Amino acid sequence: MSESYTKGNEVATIDVALVVVRDRDGNRIGLDTSNRVQVTPVSETRDAIKLIVKDRLLSQKGQKVTVTGNTIVLTDNVFNAQLVQILQGGTITFSKKYTSESASITTGKHHIAVDGDYLVFNVANAVTGSVEYNDVSGVLEIVTSSGRSRKSYTVESSAPSGSTSISVTGAADTSRVKSYTPPTVGENYQSEPFVLECYSAIYSAAALIIGYERISYPNCQGVPVSFASEDDVFRVSEYTINSTPDSDEAPYVIDYVPYLPALAE
């Protein structure tokens, strides 16, 4: 009579569907541009103790391996300043969007003042609207009730004669990063621990996504980030993250969810 067996619950996963960094306050940064998450267990090994008498092994207490965490290497195809700030600290400066009040903009030469420079542009036909300019994208537009019109401009060191000044007000635009500055040399920065969540897709035999596997790594902290550039090659960033669970925590948790979390743009 043949023995019976239990097949178990089999799950086939593929792809890095999403990587989420979640801090202690519940804030989340989602990375949908990552294509590799390499995880290496970190462990401490206690060597076996052997009793050998006259070249004969009489007894031994076996080797013991204790898992203390994981080293995670996250490969991302774009640079994400907010993620790097979480990993190694530093300061992010966001872009500014300069906007004028809506008013009549006459035909002719006009300029706006931005950080000591003067952006000079021409208007062919008088309109009623406002001027918008972003100091990272460099796009200057006239916004009217009928839509947006991009304007070309020149940058002058002083206000040109015969040009009409349009007053603008600058406000932070958090959709664009203007600069990132890491901690200063010698600064002892200690990052706040976070949870790293890695999602992989689960497909059926009909090639349909039927859910997602989520692996959560606790108490993660990043290490300093380095960059490299090469001709004709898009930069691929690698971020090293150390996960060191507390004494009452597992090194990771796997669970299954029906859909990916909704993340704001």
C-alpha atoms as a PDB file:
ATOM      1  CA  MET A   1       0.000   0.000   0.000  1.00  0.00           C
ATOM      2  CA  SER A   2       1.453   3.347  -1.034  1.00  0.00           C
ATOM      3  CA  GLU A   3       1.810   6.153   1.473  1.00  0.00           C
ATOM      4  CA  SER A   4      -0.333   9.275   1.085  1.00  0.00           C
ATOM      5  CA  TYR A   5       1.011  12.770   1.389  1.00  0.00           C
ATOM      6  CA  THR A   6      -0.205  16.342   1.614  1.00  0.00           C
ATOM      7  CA  LYS A   7       0.711  18.574  -1.287  1.00  0.00           C
ATOM      8  CA  GLY A   8       0.522  21.816   0.681  1.00  0.00           C
ATOM      9  CA  ASN A   9      -0.437  25.296  -0.447  1.00  0.00           C
ATOM     10  CA  GLU A  10       1.624  26.219  -3.498  1.00  0.00           C
ATOM     11  CA  VAL A  11       2.059  29.860  -4.531  1.00  0.00           C
ATOM     12  CA  ALA A  12       3.862  30.980  -7.681  1.00  0.00           C
ATOM     13  CA  THR A  13       5.179  34.553  -7.530  1.00  0.00           C
ATOM     14  CA  ILE A  14       6.940  36.741 -10.060  1.00  0.00           C
ATOM     15  CA  ASP A  15       8.210  40.319 -10.447  1.00  0.00           C
ATOM     16  CA  VAL A  16       8.908  43.138  -8.031  1.00  0.00           C
ATOM     17  CA  ALA A  17       5.401  44.568  -8.213  1.00  0.00           C
ATOM     18  CA  LEU A  18       5.967  47.259  -5.578  1.00  0.00           C
ATOM     19  CA  VAL A  19       8.346  48.166  -2.753  1.00  0.00           C
ATOM     20  CA  VAL A  20       6.984  50.235   0.133  1.00  0.00           C
ATOM     21  CA  VAL A  21       8.974  51.986   2.845  1.00  0.00           C
ATOM     22  CA  ARG A  22       6.756  52.614   5.892  1.00  0.00           C
ATOM     23  CA  ASP A  23       7.976  54.711   8.804  1.00  0.00           C
ATOM     24  CA  ARG A  24       6.810  54.628  12.423  1.00  0.00           C
ATOM     25  CA  ASP A  25       4.269  57.390  11.778  1.00  0.00           C
ATOM     26  CA  GLY A  26       2.569  55.381   9.047  1.00  0.00           C
ATOM     27  CA  ASN A  27       3.927  57.482   6.179  1.00  0.00           C
ATOM     28  CA  ARG A  28       4.644  55.423   3.062  1.00  0.00           C
ATOM     29  CA  ILE A  29       6.891  55.848   0.037  1.00  0.00           C
ATOM     30  CA  GLY A  30       6.082  53.520  -2.847  1.00  0.00           C
ATOM     31  CA  LEU A  31       8.676  52.440  -5.405  1.00  0.00           C
ATOM     32  CA  ASP A  32       7.258  50.895  -8.577  1.00  0.00           C
ATOM     33  CA  THR A  33      10.536  51.272 -10.509  1.00  0.00           C
ATOM     34  CA  SER A  34      12.511  48.618  -8.617  1.00  0.00           C
ATOM     35  CA  ASN A  35      13.361  45.434 -10.478  1.00  0.00           C
ATOM     36  CA  ARG A  36      15.377  43.447  -7.927  1.00  0.00           C
ATOM     37  CA  VAL A  37      15.326  42.828  -4.175  1.00  0.00           C
ATOM     38  CA  GLN A  38      18.218  40.653  -2.992  1.00  0.00           C
ATOM     39  CA  VAL A  39      17.963  39.385   0.584  1.00  0.00           C
ATOM     40  CA  THR A  40      20.843  37.720   2.465  1.00  0.00           C
ATOM     41  CA  PRO A  41      20.269  36.342   5.978  1.00  0.00           C
ATOM     42  CA  VAL A  42      22.681  37.582   8.641  1.00  0.00           C
ATOM     43  CA  SER A  43      23.525  34.940  11.220  1.00  0.00           C
ATOM     44  CA  GLU A  44      25.875  34.010  14.049  1.00  0.00           C
ATOM     45  CA  THR A  45      27.339  30.506  13.989  1.00  0.00           C
ATOM     46  CA  ARG A  46      28.435  28.533  17.033  1.00  0.00           C
ATOM     47  CA  ASP A  47      30.898  25.849  15.965  1.00  0.00           C
ATOM     48  CA  ALA A  48      30.285  22.221  16.734  1.00  0.00           C
ATOM     49  CA  ILE A  49      31.987  20.780  19.833  1.00  0.00           C
ATOM     50  CA  LYS A  50      33.531  17.392  19.090  1.00  0.00           C
ATOM     51  CA  LEU A  51      34.971  14.679  21.298  1.00  0.00           C
ATOM     52  CA  ILE A  52      37.741  12.949  19.339  1.00  0.00           C
ATOM     53  CA  VAL A  53      39.840  10.278  21.011  1.00  0.00           C
ATOM     54  CA  LYS A  54      42.707   8.692  19.138  1.00  0.00           C
ATOM     55  CA  ASP A  55      41.369   9.965  15.827  1.00  0.00           C
ATOM     56  CA  ARG A  56      37.921   8.548  16.530  1.00  0.00           C
ATOM     57  CA  LEU A  57      34.839  10.778  16.762  1.00  0.00           C
ATOM     58  CA  LEU A  58      33.009   9.584  19.870  1.00  0.00           C
ATOM     59  CA  SER A  59      30.482  12.359  20.302  1.00  0.00           C
ATOM     60  CA  GLN A  60      29.655  15.881  19.199  1.00  0.00           C
ATOM     61  CA  LYS A  61      27.369  18.761  19.978  1.00  0.00           C
ATOM     62  CA  GLY A  62      26.237  20.065  16.609  1.00  0.00           C
ATOM     63  CA  GLN A  63      26.789  23.463  15.071  1.00  0.00           C
ATOM     64  CA  LYS A  64      24.124  26.054  15.872  1.00  0.00           C
ATOM     65  CA  VAL A  65      23.130  28.926  13.588  1.00  0.00           C
ATOM     66  CA  THR A  66      21.182  31.902  14.967  1.00  0.00           C
ATOM     67  CA  VAL A  67      19.571  34.313  12.489  1.00  0.00           C
ATOM     68  CA  THR A  68      20.018  37.940  13.595  1.00  0.00           C
ATOM     69  CA  GLY A  69      18.484  39.749  10.626  1.00  0.00           C
ATOM     70  CA  ASN A  70      18.759  40.338   6.896  1.00  0.00           C
ATOM     71  CA  THR A  71      20.833  42.459   4.534  1.00  0.00           C
ATOM     72  CA  ILE A  72      18.643  43.738   1.703  1.00  0.00           C
ATOM     73  CA  VAL A  73      19.998  45.193  -1.541  1.00  0.00           C
ATOM     74  CA  LEU A  74      17.307  47.119  -3.376  1.00  0.00           C
ATOM     75  CA  THR A  75      17.923  47.850  -7.060  1.00  0.00           C
ATOM     76  CA  ASP A  76      15.988  50.819  -8.436  1.00  0.00           C
ATOM     77  CA  ASN A  77      16.040  52.245 -11.951  1.00  0.00           C
ATOM     78  CA  VAL A  78      15.536  55.877 -10.911  1.00  0.00           C
ATOM     79  CA  PHE A  79      16.819  58.174  -8.169  1.00  0.00           C
ATOM     80  CA  ASN A  80      14.363  58.857  -5.354  1.00  0.00           C
ATOM     81  CA  ALA A  81      15.567  61.652  -3.071  1.00  0.00           C
ATOM     82  CA  GLN A  82      12.919  60.980  -0.419  1.00  0.00           C
ATOM     83  CA  LEU A  83      14.055  57.364  -0.119  1.00  0.00           C
ATOM     84  CA  VAL A  84      17.729  58.358   0.093  1.00  0.00           C
ATOM     85  CA  GLN A  85      16.874  60.864   2.820  1.00  0.00           C
ATOM     86  CA  ILE A  86      15.265  58.055   4.843  1.00  0.00           C
ATOM     87  CA  LEU A  87      18.275  55.790   4.309  1.00  0.00           C
ATOM     88  CA  GLN A  88      21.077  58.208   5.148  1.00  0.00           C
ATOM     89  CA  GLY A  89      19.564  61.526   6.247  1.00  0.00           C
ATOM     90  CA  GLY A  90      20.324  64.843   4.623  1.00  0.00           C
ATOM     91  CA  THR A  91      18.232  67.740   3.398  1.00  0.00           C
ATOM     92  CA  ILE A  92      15.811  67.997   0.471  1.00  0.00           C
ATOM     93  CA  THR A  93      14.968  71.328  -1.128  1.00  0.00           C
ATOM     94  CA  PHE A  94      11.838  71.332  -3.242  1.00  0.00           C
ATOM     95  CA  SER A  95      11.268  73.391  -6.352  1.00  0.00           C
ATOM     96  CA  LYS A  96       9.333  76.642  -6.347  1.00  0.00           C
ATOM     97  CA  LYS A  97       6.380  77.484  -8.502  1.00  0.00           C
ATOM     98  CA  TYR A  98       6.091  81.193  -9.191  1.00  0.00           C
ATOM     99  CA  THR A  99       2.580  82.459  -9.929  1.00  0.00           C
ATOM    100  CA  SER A 100       1.190  85.900 -10.736  1.00  0.00           C
ATOM    101  CA  GLU A 101      -2.276  87.230 -10.048  1.00  0.00           C
ATOM    102  CA  SER A 102      -4.722  86.888 -12.917  1.00  0.00           C
ATOM    103  CA  ALA A 103      -4.819  90.166 -14.837  1.00  0.00           C
ATOM    104  CA  SER A 104      -4.727  91.651 -18.323  1.00  0.00           C
ATOM    105  CA  ILE A 105      -1.432  90.852 -20.059  1.00  0.00           C
ATOM    106  CA  THR A 106      -0.875  93.262 -22.894  1.00  0.00           C
ATOM    107  CA  THR A 107       0.854  92.730 -26.220  1.00  0.00           C
ATOM    108  CA  GLY A 108       4.611  93.252 -26.113  1.00  0.00           C
ATOM    109  CA  LYS A 109       7.644  92.432 -23.963  1.00  0.00           C
ATOM    110  CA  HIS A 110       7.214  91.346 -20.327  1.00  0.00           C
ATOM    111  CA  HIS A 111       9.443  90.012 -17.571  1.00  0.00           C
ATOM    112  CA  ILE A 112       9.254  88.318 -14.159  1.00  0.00           C
ATOM    113  CA  ALA A 113      11.928  88.472 -11.448  1.00  0.00           C
ATOM    114  CA  VAL A 114      13.130  85.100 -10.082  1.00  0.00           C
ATOM    115  CA  ASP A 115      16.054  84.833  -7.624  1.00  0.00           C
ATOM    116  CA  GLY A 116      17.850  87.913  -8.980  1.00  0.00           C
ATOM    117  CA  ASP A 117      17.341  87.015 -12.645  1.00  0.00           C
ATOM    118  CA  TYR A 118      14.826  88.447 -15.068  1.00  0.00           C
ATOM    119  CA  LEU A 119      12.927  86.101 -17.370  1.00  0.00           C
ATOM    120  CA  VAL A 120      11.919  88.048 -20.463  1.00  0.00           C
ATOM    121  CA  PHE A 121       9.207  86.892 -22.877  1.00  0.00           C
ATOM    122  CA  ASN A 122       6.968  88.326 -25.576  1.00  0.00           C
ATOM    123  CA  VAL A 123       3.187  88.262 -25.883  1.00  0.00           C
ATOM    124  CA  ALA A 124       1.775  88.436 -29.399  1.00  0.00           C
ATOM    125  CA  ASN A 125      -1.874  88.916 -28.434  1.00  0.00           C
ATOM    126  CA  ALA A 126      -3.269  90.484 -25.280  1.00  0.00           C
ATOM    127  CA  VAL A 127      -4.944  88.008 -22.903  1.00  0.00           C
ATOM    128  CA  THR A 128      -6.417  87.881 -19.429  1.00  0.00           C
ATOM    129  CA  GLY A 129      -4.685  85.314 -17.289  1.00  0.00           C
ATOM    130  CA  SER A 130      -1.741  84.545 -15.011  1.00  0.00           C
ATOM    131  CA  VAL A 131       1.926  83.641 -15.454  1.00  0.00           C
ATOM    132  CA  GLU A 132       3.348  80.409 -13.973  1.00  0.00           C
ATOM    133  CA  TYR A 133       7.015  79.379 -13.808  1.00  0.00           C
ATOM    134  CA  ASN A 134       8.751  76.380 -12.184  1.00  0.00           C
ATOM    135  CA  ASP A 135      12.429  76.809 -11.289  1.00  0.00           C
ATOM    136  CA  VAL A 136      13.268  73.111 -11.831  1.00  0.00           C
ATOM    137  CA  SER A 137      11.403  72.323 -15.050  1.00  0.00           C
ATOM    138  CA  GLY A 138      12.159  75.812 -16.387  1.00  0.00           C
ATOM    139  CA  VAL A 139       8.697  75.943 -17.970  1.00  0.00           C
ATOM    140  CA  LEU A 140       7.043  79.376 -18.182  1.00  0.00           C
ATOM    141  CA  GLU A 141       3.366  79.415 -19.134  1.00  0.00           C
ATOM    142  CA  ILE A 142       0.513  81.851 -19.485  1.00  0.00           C
ATOM    143  CA  VAL A 143      -2.634  80.337 -17.985  1.00  0.00           C
ATOM    144  CA  THR A 144      -6.023  81.514 -19.213  1.00  0.00           C
ATOM    145  CA  SER A 145      -9.566  80.181 -18.967  1.00  0.00           C
ATOM    146  CA  SER A 146      -9.074  78.459 -22.327  1.00  0.00           C
ATOM    147  CA  GLY A 147      -5.862  76.634 -21.385  1.00  0.00           C
ATOM    148  CA  ARG A 148      -2.083  76.963 -21.054  1.00  0.00           C
ATOM    149  CA  SER A 149       0.399  78.473 -23.461  1.00  0.00           C
ATOM    150  CA  ARG A 150       4.113  77.774 -23.042  1.00  0.00           C
ATOM    151  CA  LYS A 151       6.343  80.754 -23.661  1.00  0.00           C
ATOM    152  CA  SER A 152       9.987  80.867 -24.666  1.00  0.00           C
ATOM    153  CA  TYR A 153      12.090  83.355 -22.737  1.00  0.00           C
ATOM    154  CA  THR A 154      15.566  84.753 -22.229  1.00  0.00           C
ATOM    155  CA  VAL A 155      17.350  85.254 -18.919  1.00  0.00           C
ATOM    156  CA  GLU A 156      18.718  88.739 -18.263  1.00  0.00           C
ATOM    157  CA  SER A 157      20.766  90.060 -15.350  1.00  0.00           C
ATOM    158  CA  SER A 158      18.732  93.292 -15.194  1.00  0.00           C
ATOM    159  CA  ALA A 159      15.248  94.381 -16.130  1.00  0.00           C
ATOM    160  CA  PRO A 160      15.288  95.335 -19.825  1.00  0.00           C
ATOM    161  CA  SER A 161      14.027  98.751 -20.829  1.00  0.00           C
ATOM    162  CA  GLY A 162      10.620  98.798 -22.454  1.00  0.00           C
ATOM    163  CA  SER A 163       9.576  95.590 -20.698  1.00  0.00           C
ATOM    164  CA  THR A 164       6.509  95.356 -18.467  1.00  0.00           C
ATOM    165  CA  SER A 165       7.123  93.798 -15.053  1.00  0.00           C
ATOM    166  CA  ILE A 166       4.724  91.110 -13.835  1.00  0.00           C
ATOM    167  CA  SER A 167       4.888  90.411 -10.112  1.00  0.00           C
ATOM    168  CA  VAL A 168       5.008  86.716  -9.101  1.00  0.00           C
ATOM    169  CA  THR A 169       4.916  84.923  -5.749  1.00  0.00           C
ATOM    170  CA  GLY A 170       6.951  81.758  -5.094  1.00  0.00           C
ATOM    171  CA  ALA A 171       5.642  78.716  -3.210  1.00  0.00           C
ATOM    172  CA  ALA A 172       7.118  75.259  -2.629  1.00  0.00           C
ATOM    173  CA  ASP A 173       6.184  72.622  -5.217  1.00  0.00           C
ATOM    174  CA  THR A 174       6.667  69.262  -3.498  1.00  0.00           C
ATOM    175  CA  SER A 175       6.113  67.334  -6.730  1.00  0.00           C
ATOM    176  CA  ARG A 176       9.669  68.230  -7.820  1.00  0.00           C
ATOM    177  CA  VAL A 177      12.976  68.049  -5.948  1.00  0.00           C
ATOM    178  CA  LYS A 178      15.401  70.892  -6.589  1.00  0.00           C
ATOM    179  CA  SER A 179      18.355  69.572  -4.589  1.00  0.00           C
ATOM    180  CA  TYR A 180      19.444  66.910  -2.124  1.00  0.00           C
ATOM    181  CA  THR A 181      22.343  67.405   0.293  1.00  0.00           C
ATOM    182  CA  PRO A 182      23.604  64.416   2.358  1.00  0.00           C
ATOM    183  CA  PRO A 183      24.809  64.770   5.957  1.00  0.00           C
ATOM    184  CA  THR A 184      28.093  66.592   6.358  1.00  0.00           C
ATOM    185  CA  VAL A 185      31.348  64.647   6.621  1.00  0.00           C
ATOM    186  CA  GLY A 186      31.781  63.371  10.164  1.00  0.00           C
ATOM    187  CA  GLU A 187      28.145  63.896  11.115  1.00  0.00           C
ATOM    188  CA  ASN A 188      26.855  60.997  13.208  1.00  0.00           C
ATOM    189  CA  TYR A 189      23.416  60.545  11.670  1.00  0.00           C
ATOM    190  CA  GLN A 190      21.140  57.827  13.062  1.00  0.00           C
ATOM    191  CA  SER A 191      18.202  57.106  10.770  1.00  0.00           C
ATOM    192  CA  GLU A 192      14.758  56.289  12.094  1.00  0.00           C
ATOM    193  CA  PRO A 193      13.916  52.578  11.706  1.00  0.00           C
ATOM    194  CA  PHE A 194      11.317  51.691   9.089  1.00  0.00           C
ATOM    195  CA  VAL A 195       9.514  48.645   7.701  1.00  0.00           C
ATOM    196  CA  LEU A 196      10.301  47.488   4.169  1.00  0.00           C
ATOM    197  CA  GLU A 197       7.457  45.763   2.328  1.00  0.00           C
ATOM    198  CA  CYS A 198       8.161  43.867  -0.917  1.00  0.00           C
ATOM    199  CA  TYR A 199       5.222  42.851  -3.121  1.00  0.00           C
ATOM    200  CA  SER A 200       5.346  40.142  -5.799  1.00  0.00           C
ATOM    201  CA  ALA A 201       2.518  39.224  -8.158  1.00  0.00           C
ATOM    202  CA  ILE A 202       0.664  35.878  -8.028  1.00  0.00           C
ATOM    203  CA  TYR A 203      -0.566  34.647 -11.406  1.00  0.00           C
ATOM    204  CA  SER A 204      -3.084  31.943 -12.233  1.00  0.00           C
ATOM    205  CA  ALA A 205      -2.715  29.382 -15.017  1.00  0.00           C
ATOM    206  CA  ALA A 206      -4.881  31.714 -17.118  1.00  0.00           C
ATOM    207  CA  ALA A 207      -2.181  34.441 -16.864  1.00  0.00           C
ATOM    208  CA  LEU A 208      -4.350  36.578 -14.574  1.00  0.00           C
ATOM    209  CA  ILE A 209      -3.107  38.286 -11.394  1.00  0.00           C
ATOM    210  CA  ILE A 210      -5.041  36.751  -8.512  1.00  0.00           C
ATOM    211  CA  GLY A 211      -3.250  38.449  -5.626  1.00  0.00           C
ATOM    212  CA  TYR A 212       0.075  39.561  -4.220  1.00  0.00           C
ATOM    213  CA  GLU A 213       2.663  38.184  -1.837  1.00  0.00           C
ATOM    214  CA  ARG A 214       3.934  40.733   0.694  1.00  0.00           C
ATOM    215  CA  ILE A 215       7.164  40.167   2.627  1.00  0.00           C
ATOM    216  CA  SER A 216       7.688  42.631   5.489  1.00  0.00           C
ATOM    217  CA  TYR A 217      11.134  43.220   7.025  1.00  0.00           C
ATOM    218  CA  PRO A 218      11.141  44.981  10.430  1.00  0.00           C
ATOM    219  CA  ASN A 219      13.454  47.554  11.982  1.00  0.00           C
ATOM    220  CA  CYS A 220      15.270  48.535   8.792  1.00  0.00           C
ATOM    221  CA  GLN A 221      18.019  51.143   8.510  1.00  0.00           C
ATOM    222  CA  GLY A 222      19.985  52.263   5.472  1.00  0.00           C
ATOM    223  CA  VAL A 223      23.698  52.660   4.860  1.00  0.00           C
ATOM    224  CA  PRO A 224      25.381  55.559   2.964  1.00  0.00           C
ATOM    225  CA  VAL A 225      24.547  55.614  -0.735  1.00  0.00           C
ATOM    226  CA  SER A 226      27.029  55.886  -3.616  1.00  0.00           C
ATOM    227  CA  PHE A 227      26.461  56.688  -7.292  1.00  0.00           C
ATOM    228  CA  ALA A 228      28.089  55.849 -10.607  1.00  0.00           C
ATOM    229  CA  SER A 229      27.534  57.223 -14.122  1.00  0.00           C
ATOM    230  CA  GLU A 230      28.332  55.741 -17.519  1.00  0.00           C
ATOM    231  CA  ASP A 231      27.879  56.889 -21.114  1.00  0.00           C
ATOM    232  CA  ASP A 232      24.730  55.592 -22.848  1.00  0.00           C
ATOM    233  CA  VAL A 233      23.618  53.739 -19.718  1.00  0.00           C
ATOM    234  CA  PHE A 234      20.767  54.811 -17.475  1.00  0.00           C
ATOM    235  CA  ARG A 235      21.875  54.903 -13.871  1.00  0.00           C
ATOM    236  CA  VAL A 236      20.690  51.989 -11.747  1.00  0.00           C
ATOM    237  CA  SER A 237      20.819  52.754  -8.036  1.00  0.00           C
ATOM    238  CA  GLU A 238      21.557  50.097  -5.427  1.00  0.00           C
ATOM    239  CA  TYR A 239      20.483  50.745  -1.848  1.00  0.00           C
ATOM    240  CA  THR A 240      21.742  48.548   0.991  1.00  0.00           C
ATOM    241  CA  ILE A 241      19.381  48.154   3.934  1.00  0.00           C
ATOM    242  CA  ASN A 242      20.014  46.301   7.201  1.00  0.00           C
ATOM    243  CA  SER A 243      17.037  44.711   8.930  1.00  0.00           C
ATOM    244  CA  THR A 244      17.710  43.815  12.573  1.00  0.00           C
ATOM    245  CA  PRO A 245      14.578  42.572  14.343  1.00  0.00           C
ATOM    246  CA  ASP A 246      14.105  43.029  18.060  1.00  0.00           C
ATOM    247  CA  SER A 247      14.248  40.072  20.443  1.00  0.00           C
ATOM    248  CA  ASP A 248      10.507  39.452  20.096  1.00  0.00           C
ATOM    249  CA  GLU A 249      10.338  39.958  16.310  1.00  0.00           C
ATOM    250  CA  ALA A 250      10.638  37.543  13.400  1.00  0.00           C
ATOM    251  CA  PRO A 251      13.217  38.392  10.704  1.00  0.00           C
ATOM    252  CA  TYR A 252      10.359  38.711   8.196  1.00  0.00           C
ATOM    253  CA  VAL A 253       6.642  38.040   7.765  1.00  0.00           C
ATOM    254  CA  ILE A 254       4.985  36.740   4.581  1.00  0.00           C
ATOM    255  CA  ASP A 255       1.315  37.388   3.974  1.00  0.00           C
ATOM    256  CA  TYR A 256      -1.007  37.453   0.963  1.00  0.00           C
ATOM    257  CA  VAL A 257      -3.227  40.351  -0.083  1.00  0.00           C
ATOM    258  CA  PRO A 258      -5.724  40.804  -2.936  1.00  0.00           C
ATOM    259  CA  TYR A 259      -4.388  44.135  -4.228  1.00  0.00           C
ATOM    260  CA  LEU A 260      -1.530  46.618  -3.982  1.00  0.00           C
ATOM    261  CA  PRO A 261      -1.836  49.596  -1.614  1.00  0.00           C
ATOM    262  CA  ALA A 262      -3.055  52.850  -3.094  1.00  0.00           C
ATOM    263  CA  LEU A 263      -0.264  55.430  -3.015  1.00  0.00           C
ATOM    264  CA  ALA A 264      -0.607  59.138  -3.710  1.00  0.00           C
ATOM    265  CA  GLU A 265       1.440  60.634  -6.549  1.00  0.00           C
END
